[in-house]
Amino acid sequence: MIHALTNSAKALAAVLVEENAALAALDLPRAASLLPAKRAATDSFVAAHARHAADGRPNGSAPAGLGILGARLADLAAENRHLLDRALTVQHRVLDIIAQAVPRASSQAPRYSANGGLVDRTRALPVAITANV
């Protein structure tokens, strides 16, 4: 039981380290690509922890290394939360900049209707933005 818990904790820590590095670099596509691995590692850790708890051992009976690994996981999770919050803040700012720039840019460019005539500039037109990542 202890080996499964230790191995799953190490696997989760490795995924968190990788995701934290991606988030620190604001490489959001790479961070998002780690979601399936993070979910799998988290599920494995939770299941191993539940099996260990169901084993009926008192909390003090775990090896000392497991406590150190648990503290490392807690630190990595706290860093992950901070980096995720920062990434969301940056993404929100970028979207705000785009949302403010589109009306200004579209108001300066000539607009044409489907039949080729100029469209009245006072009427707001819908805007769509796409991105290839």
N, C-alpha and C. Protein backbone atom coordinates (compact mmCIF):
# COMPACT_ATOMS: atom_id res chain seq x y z
N MET A 1 0.81 -1.20 0.00
CA MET A 1 0.00 0.00 0.00
C MET A 1 0.85 1.26 0.00
N ILE A 2 1.91 1.25 0.81
CA ILE A 2 2.76 2.43 0.92
C ILE A 2 3.45 2.70 -0.41
N HIS A 3 3.86 1.66 -1.11
CA HIS A 3 4.54 1.86 -2.39
C HIS A 3 3.60 2.49 -3.41
N ALA A 4 2.37 2.04 -3.44
CA ALA A 4 1.40 2.62 -4.38
C ALA A 4 1.15 4.08 -4.05
N LEU A 5 1.04 4.40 -2.77
CA LEU A 5 0.82 5.79 -2.35
C LEU A 5 2.04 6.65 -2.69
N THR A 6 3.21 6.14 -2.40
CA THR A 6 4.45 6.88 -2.70
C THR A 6 4.61 7.09 -4.20
N ASN A 7 4.40 6.04 -4.97
CA ASN A 7 4.55 6.15 -6.43
C ASN A 7 3.53 7.12 -7.03
N SER A 8 2.30 7.05 -6.55
CA SER A 8 1.28 7.96 -7.10
C SER A 8 1.56 9.41 -6.68
N ALA A 9 2.08 9.61 -5.48
CA ALA A 9 2.44 10.96 -5.04
C ALA A 9 3.59 11.50 -5.87
N LYS A 10 4.57 10.67 -6.17
CA LYS A 10 5.71 11.09 -7.00
C LYS A 10 5.24 11.42 -8.42
N ALA A 11 4.33 10.62 -8.96
CA ALA A 11 3.82 10.88 -10.31
C ALA A 11 3.04 12.20 -10.35
N LEU A 12 2.24 12.45 -9.33
CA LEU A 12 1.49 13.71 -9.25
C LEU A 12 2.45 14.89 -9.10
N ALA A 13 3.47 14.72 -8.29
CA ALA A 13 4.46 15.79 -8.12
C ALA A 13 5.16 16.10 -9.44
N ALA A 14 5.48 15.08 -10.20
CA ALA A 14 6.16 15.28 -11.49
C ALA A 14 5.28 16.06 -12.47
N VAL A 15 3.99 15.73 -12.50
CA VAL A 15 3.07 16.45 -13.38
C VAL A 15 2.93 17.91 -12.92
N LEU A 16 2.83 18.12 -11.61
CA LEU A 16 2.71 19.49 -11.09
C LEU A 16 3.97 20.31 -11.39
N VAL A 17 5.13 19.70 -11.29
CA VAL A 17 6.38 20.40 -11.61
C VAL A 17 6.36 20.83 -13.07
N GLU A 18 5.96 19.91 -13.95
CA GLU A 18 5.92 20.22 -15.38
C GLU A 18 4.88 21.30 -15.69
N GLU A 19 3.70 21.18 -15.10
CA GLU A 19 2.66 22.18 -15.34
C GLU A 19 3.07 23.54 -14.77
N ASN A 20 3.67 23.55 -13.60
CA ASN A 20 4.11 24.81 -13.01
C ASN A 20 5.16 25.49 -13.88
N ALA A 21 6.05 24.71 -14.48
CA ALA A 21 7.05 25.29 -15.38
C ALA A 21 6.38 25.92 -16.60
N ALA A 22 5.39 25.23 -17.16
CA ALA A 22 4.66 25.77 -18.30
C ALA A 22 3.90 27.03 -17.92
N LEU A 23 3.25 27.02 -16.77
CA LEU A 23 2.50 28.20 -16.32
C LEU A 23 3.43 29.36 -16.01
N ALA A 24 4.58 29.09 -15.43
CA ALA A 24 5.55 30.16 -15.13
C ALA A 24 6.02 30.82 -16.41
N ALA A 25 6.12 30.05 -17.49
CA ALA A 25 6.53 30.59 -18.79
C ALA A 25 5.34 31.13 -19.58
N LEU A 26 4.15 31.06 -18.98
CA LEU A 26 2.90 31.44 -19.64
C LEU A 26 2.68 30.68 -20.94
N ASP A 27 3.13 29.44 -20.95
CA ASP A 27 2.90 28.54 -22.09
C ASP A 27 1.58 27.81 -21.81
N LEU A 28 0.48 28.53 -22.04
CA LEU A 28 -0.83 28.00 -21.68
C LEU A 28 -1.23 26.77 -22.50
N PRO A 29 -0.91 26.71 -23.79
CA PRO A 29 -1.24 25.46 -24.52
C PRO A 29 -0.54 24.23 -23.92
N ARG A 30 0.73 24.39 -23.55
CA ARG A 30 1.45 23.26 -22.95
C ARG A 30 0.85 22.91 -21.60
N ALA A 31 0.52 23.91 -20.80
CA ALA A 31 -0.09 23.65 -19.50
C ALA A 31 -1.43 22.93 -19.67
N ALA A 32 -2.22 23.38 -20.63
CA ALA A 32 -3.53 22.75 -20.86
C ALA A 32 -3.37 21.32 -21.36
N SER A 33 -2.32 21.06 -22.12
CA SER A 33 -2.12 19.70 -22.63
C SER A 33 -1.79 18.70 -21.52
N LEU A 34 -1.39 19.21 -20.37
CA LEU A 34 -1.06 18.33 -19.23
C LEU A 34 -2.28 17.96 -18.40
N LEU A 35 -3.43 18.52 -18.72
CA LEU A 35 -4.62 18.26 -17.92
C LEU A 35 -4.97 16.77 -17.82
N PRO A 36 -4.96 16.00 -18.92
CA PRO A 36 -5.28 14.57 -18.76
C PRO A 36 -4.29 13.84 -17.84
N ALA A 37 -3.01 14.16 -17.96
CA ALA A 37 -2.01 13.52 -17.08
C ALA A 37 -2.21 13.95 -15.63
N LYS A 38 -2.57 15.21 -15.42
CA LYS A 38 -2.80 15.72 -14.07
C LYS A 38 -4.02 15.03 -13.46
N ARG A 39 -5.08 14.90 -14.24
CA ARG A 39 -6.28 14.21 -13.74
C ARG A 39 -5.98 12.76 -13.39
N ALA A 40 -5.27 12.07 -14.27
CA ALA A 40 -4.95 10.66 -14.03
C ALA A 40 -4.07 10.51 -12.78
N ALA A 41 -3.07 11.38 -12.64
CA ALA A 41 -2.19 11.31 -11.47
C ALA A 41 -2.95 11.64 -10.19
N THR A 42 -3.84 12.62 -10.27
CA THR A 42 -4.64 12.98 -9.10
C THR A 42 -5.56 11.83 -8.71
N ASP A 43 -6.25 11.25 -9.68
CA ASP A 43 -7.14 10.12 -9.41
C ASP A 43 -6.38 8.95 -8.79
N SER A 44 -5.20 8.67 -9.33
CA SER A 44 -4.38 7.58 -8.80
C SER A 44 -3.95 7.86 -7.37
N PHE A 45 -3.55 9.10 -7.10
CA PHE A 45 -3.13 9.47 -5.75
C PHE A 45 -4.30 9.38 -4.77
N VAL A 46 -5.46 9.89 -5.14
CA VAL A 46 -6.63 9.85 -4.27
C VAL A 46 -7.02 8.40 -3.97
N ALA A 47 -6.99 7.55 -5.00
CA ALA A 47 -7.34 6.13 -4.79
C ALA A 47 -6.33 5.44 -3.87
N ALA A 48 -5.04 5.71 -4.09
CA ALA A 48 -4.01 5.10 -3.24
C ALA A 48 -4.12 5.60 -1.80
N HIS A 49 -4.43 6.87 -1.65
CA HIS A 49 -4.60 7.43 -0.30
C HIS A 49 -5.80 6.80 0.39
N ALA A 50 -6.89 6.61 -0.34
CA ALA A 50 -8.08 5.99 0.24
C ALA A 50 -7.80 4.55 0.66
N ARG A 51 -7.05 3.82 -0.19
CA ARG A 51 -6.70 2.43 0.16
C ARG A 51 -5.82 2.41 1.41
N HIS A 52 -4.89 3.34 1.49
CA HIS A 52 -4.00 3.41 2.66
C HIS A 52 -4.80 3.73 3.92
N ALA A 53 -5.73 4.69 3.81
CA ALA A 53 -6.55 5.07 4.96
C ALA A 53 -7.46 3.92 5.38
N ALA A 54 -7.97 3.16 4.42
CA ALA A 54 -8.87 2.05 4.71
C ALA A 54 -8.13 0.86 5.32
N ASP A 55 -6.82 0.88 5.20
CA ASP A 55 -5.99 -0.19 5.74
C ASP A 55 -6.03 -0.22 7.26
N GLY A 56 -6.52 0.88 7.88
CA GLY A 56 -6.68 0.93 9.32
C GLY A 56 -5.44 1.29 10.09
N ARG A 57 -4.44 1.78 9.40
CA ARG A 57 -3.21 2.17 10.11
C ARG A 57 -3.38 3.55 10.69
N PRO A 58 -2.81 3.78 11.87
CA PRO A 58 -2.86 5.13 12.44
C PRO A 58 -2.01 6.07 11.59
N ASN A 59 -2.34 7.36 11.67
CA ASN A 59 -1.64 8.36 10.85
C ASN A 59 -0.15 8.38 11.09
N GLY A 60 0.29 8.10 12.29
CA GLY A 60 1.71 8.13 12.59
C GLY A 60 2.48 6.95 12.06
N SER A 61 1.82 5.96 11.47
CA SER A 61 2.52 4.75 11.04
C SER A 61 3.12 4.86 9.64
N ALA A 62 2.91 5.97 8.95
CA ALA A 62 3.47 6.13 7.61
C ALA A 62 4.95 6.44 7.71
N PRO A 63 5.74 5.99 6.74
CA PRO A 63 7.17 6.30 6.75
C PRO A 63 7.41 7.81 6.70
N ALA A 64 8.54 8.24 7.27
CA ALA A 64 8.85 9.68 7.32
C ALA A 64 8.93 10.28 5.92
N GLY A 65 9.43 9.52 4.97
CA GLY A 65 9.56 10.01 3.59
C GLY A 65 8.22 10.37 2.98
N LEU A 66 7.18 9.69 3.42
CA LEU A 66 5.84 9.98 2.90
C LEU A 66 5.36 11.34 3.38
N GLY A 67 5.69 11.69 4.61
CA GLY A 67 5.34 13.02 5.13
C GLY A 67 6.05 14.12 4.38
N ILE A 68 7.31 13.89 4.04
CA ILE A 68 8.08 14.87 3.27
C ILE A 68 7.48 15.01 1.88
N LEU A 69 7.10 13.89 1.28
CA LEU A 69 6.48 13.91 -0.05
C LEU A 69 5.13 14.62 0.00
N GLY A 70 4.39 14.41 1.06
CA GLY A 70 3.11 15.09 1.22
C GLY A 70 3.29 16.60 1.34
N ALA A 71 4.31 17.02 2.07
CA ALA A 71 4.60 18.46 2.19
C ALA A 71 5.01 19.03 0.85
N ARG A 72 5.78 18.27 0.08
CA ARG A 72 6.19 18.73 -1.26
C ARG A 72 4.97 18.87 -2.16
N LEU A 73 4.06 17.91 -2.10
CA LEU A 73 2.83 18.01 -2.89
C LEU A 73 2.02 19.24 -2.50
N ALA A 74 1.94 19.52 -1.21
CA ALA A 74 1.20 20.70 -0.75
C ALA A 74 1.84 21.98 -1.29
N ASP A 75 3.18 22.04 -1.26
CA ASP A 75 3.88 23.22 -1.78
C ASP A 75 3.66 23.36 -3.29
N LEU A 76 3.77 22.25 -4.01
CA LEU A 76 3.56 22.29 -5.46
C LEU A 76 2.13 22.68 -5.81
N ALA A 77 1.18 22.18 -5.04
CA ALA A 77 -0.23 22.52 -5.29
C ALA A 77 -0.48 24.01 -5.03
N ALA A 78 0.13 24.56 -3.98
CA ALA A 78 -0.03 25.99 -3.68
C ALA A 78 0.58 26.84 -4.79
N GLU A 79 1.76 26.43 -5.26
CA GLU A 79 2.40 27.15 -6.37
C GLU A 79 1.56 27.04 -7.63
N ASN A 80 0.99 25.86 -7.86
CA ASN A 80 0.14 25.63 -9.03
C ASN A 80 -1.07 26.56 -9.00
N ARG A 81 -1.69 26.69 -7.85
CA ARG A 81 -2.86 27.57 -7.69
C ARG A 81 -2.48 29.02 -8.00
N HIS A 82 -1.33 29.45 -7.46
CA HIS A 82 -0.86 30.82 -7.69
C HIS A 82 -0.58 31.05 -9.18
N LEU A 83 0.10 30.11 -9.82
CA LEU A 83 0.43 30.26 -11.23
C LEU A 83 -0.82 30.20 -12.12
N LEU A 84 -1.79 29.36 -11.75
CA LEU A 84 -3.05 29.32 -12.51
C LEU A 84 -3.79 30.65 -12.39
N ASP A 85 -3.83 31.21 -11.18
CA ASP A 85 -4.48 32.51 -10.99
C ASP A 85 -3.78 33.59 -11.82
N ARG A 86 -2.46 33.56 -11.84
CA ARG A 86 -1.70 34.54 -12.63
C ARG A 86 -1.98 34.37 -14.12
N ALA A 87 -2.02 33.14 -14.60
CA ALA A 87 -2.28 32.89 -16.02
C ALA A 87 -3.68 33.37 -16.40
N LEU A 88 -4.66 33.13 -15.53
CA LEU A 88 -6.02 33.60 -15.81
C LEU A 88 -6.09 35.13 -15.83
N THR A 89 -5.35 35.77 -14.94
CA THR A 89 -5.30 37.24 -14.93
C THR A 89 -4.70 37.78 -16.22
N VAL A 90 -3.60 37.18 -16.66
CA VAL A 90 -2.96 37.61 -17.91
C VAL A 90 -3.89 37.38 -19.09
N GLN A 91 -4.54 36.22 -19.14
CA GLN A 91 -5.46 35.92 -20.23
C GLN A 91 -6.62 36.92 -20.24
N HIS A 92 -7.13 37.27 -19.08
CA HIS A 92 -8.21 38.24 -18.98
C HIS A 92 -7.75 39.60 -19.51
N ARG A 93 -6.55 40.01 -19.16
CA ARG A 93 -6.03 41.29 -19.65
C ARG A 93 -5.88 41.31 -21.16
N VAL A 94 -5.39 40.22 -21.71
CA VAL A 94 -5.24 40.14 -23.17
C VAL A 94 -6.60 40.24 -23.85
N LEU A 95 -7.57 39.52 -23.33
CA LEU A 95 -8.92 39.58 -23.92
C LEU A 95 -9.52 40.98 -23.80
N ASP A 96 -9.26 41.66 -22.68
CA ASP A 96 -9.73 43.04 -22.53
C ASP A 96 -9.09 43.97 -23.57
N ILE A 97 -7.80 43.79 -23.79
CA ILE A 97 -7.11 44.62 -24.79
C ILE A 97 -7.70 44.39 -26.17
N ILE A 98 -7.94 43.15 -26.51
CA ILE A 98 -8.53 42.84 -27.82
C ILE A 98 -9.94 43.41 -27.91
N ALA A 99 -10.71 43.25 -26.85
CA ALA A 99 -12.10 43.75 -26.86
C ALA A 99 -12.13 45.27 -27.01
N GLN A 100 -11.17 45.96 -26.46
CA GLN A 100 -11.12 47.42 -26.61
C GLN A 100 -10.58 47.83 -27.97
N ALA A 101 -9.68 47.05 -28.54
CA ALA A 101 -9.07 47.42 -29.82
C ALA A 101 -9.98 47.17 -31.01
N VAL A 102 -10.80 46.15 -30.96
CA VAL A 102 -11.64 45.79 -32.11
C VAL A 102 -12.60 46.92 -32.51
N PRO A 103 -13.34 47.53 -31.59
CA PRO A 103 -14.23 48.61 -32.02
C PRO A 103 -13.49 49.79 -32.64
N ARG A 104 -12.33 50.14 -32.09
CA ARG A 104 -11.55 51.25 -32.65
C ARG A 104 -11.05 50.90 -34.04
N ALA A 105 -10.52 49.71 -34.21
CA ALA A 105 -9.99 49.32 -35.52
C ALA A 105 -11.10 49.19 -36.54
N SER A 106 -12.22 48.62 -36.13
CA SER A 106 -13.30 48.41 -37.10
C SER A 106 -14.00 49.72 -37.44
N SER A 107 -13.93 50.72 -36.58
CA SER A 107 -14.58 51.99 -36.89
C SER A 107 -13.77 52.80 -37.90
N GLN A 108 -12.50 52.49 -38.05
CA GLN A 108 -11.64 53.23 -38.97
C GLN A 108 -11.58 52.58 -40.35
N ALA A 109 -11.86 51.34 -40.45
CA ALA A 109 -11.78 50.63 -41.73
C ALA A 109 -13.09 50.78 -42.49
N PRO A 110 -13.02 50.88 -43.82
CA PRO A 110 -14.27 50.93 -44.60
C PRO A 110 -15.00 49.60 -44.48
N ARG A 111 -16.32 49.66 -44.50
CA ARG A 111 -17.15 48.46 -44.39
C ARG A 111 -17.98 48.32 -45.66
N TYR A 112 -18.04 47.11 -46.13
CA TYR A 112 -18.78 46.84 -47.36
C TYR A 112 -19.88 45.82 -47.09
N SER A 113 -20.98 45.99 -47.76
CA SER A 113 -22.10 45.05 -47.63
C SER A 113 -21.88 43.88 -48.58
N ALA A 114 -22.79 42.94 -48.55
CA ALA A 114 -22.68 41.75 -49.40
C ALA A 114 -22.73 42.11 -50.89
N ASN A 115 -23.41 43.20 -51.24
CA ASN A 115 -23.49 43.57 -52.66
C ASN A 115 -22.39 44.55 -53.07
N GLY A 116 -21.44 44.84 -52.18
CA GLY A 116 -20.29 45.67 -52.53
C GLY A 116 -20.43 47.13 -52.18
N GLY A 117 -21.56 47.56 -51.68
CA GLY A 117 -21.73 48.96 -51.30
C GLY A 117 -21.17 49.23 -49.92
N LEU A 118 -20.84 50.49 -49.67
CA LEU A 118 -20.35 50.88 -48.34
C LEU A 118 -21.49 50.81 -47.33
N VAL A 119 -21.17 50.36 -46.12
CA VAL A 119 -22.13 50.24 -45.04
C VAL A 119 -22.02 51.47 -44.15
N ASP A 120 -23.14 51.91 -43.62
CA ASP A 120 -23.17 53.06 -42.71
C ASP A 120 -22.25 52.81 -41.52
N ARG A 121 -21.34 53.75 -41.24
CA ARG A 121 -20.36 53.60 -40.16
C ARG A 121 -20.99 53.71 -38.77
N THR A 122 -22.15 54.25 -38.65
CA THR A 122 -22.76 54.41 -37.33
C THR A 122 -23.35 53.11 -36.81
N ARG A 123 -23.59 52.18 -37.68
CA ARG A 123 -24.16 50.89 -37.28
C ARG A 123 -23.03 49.92 -36.89
N ALA A 124 -23.10 49.37 -35.71
CA ALA A 124 -22.08 48.42 -35.26
C ALA A 124 -22.27 47.08 -35.96
N LEU A 125 -21.18 46.51 -36.39
CA LEU A 125 -21.23 45.22 -37.05
C LEU A 125 -20.66 44.14 -36.10
N PRO A 126 -21.11 42.92 -36.24
CA PRO A 126 -20.56 41.85 -35.42
C PRO A 126 -19.10 41.57 -35.81
N VAL A 127 -18.34 41.12 -34.86
CA VAL A 127 -16.93 40.82 -35.09
C VAL A 127 -16.65 39.42 -34.58
N ALA A 128 -15.88 38.66 -35.34
CA ALA A 128 -15.45 37.33 -34.90
C ALA A 128 -13.95 37.29 -34.94
N ILE A 129 -13.35 36.67 -33.94
CA ILE A 129 -11.90 36.55 -33.86
C ILE A 129 -11.58 35.06 -33.71
N THR A 130 -10.63 34.60 -34.50
CA THR A 130 -10.18 33.23 -34.37
C THR A 130 -8.68 33.22 -34.15
N ALA A 131 -8.21 32.18 -33.55
CA ALA A 131 -6.77 32.03 -33.31
C ALA A 131 -6.38 30.60 -33.52
N ASN A 132 -5.26 30.41 -34.16
CA ASN A 132 -4.69 29.08 -34.32
C ASN A 132 -3.53 28.97 -33.34
N VAL A 133 -3.62 28.02 -32.45
CA VAL A 133 -2.56 27.87 -31.45
C VAL A 133 -1.76 26.64 -31.74
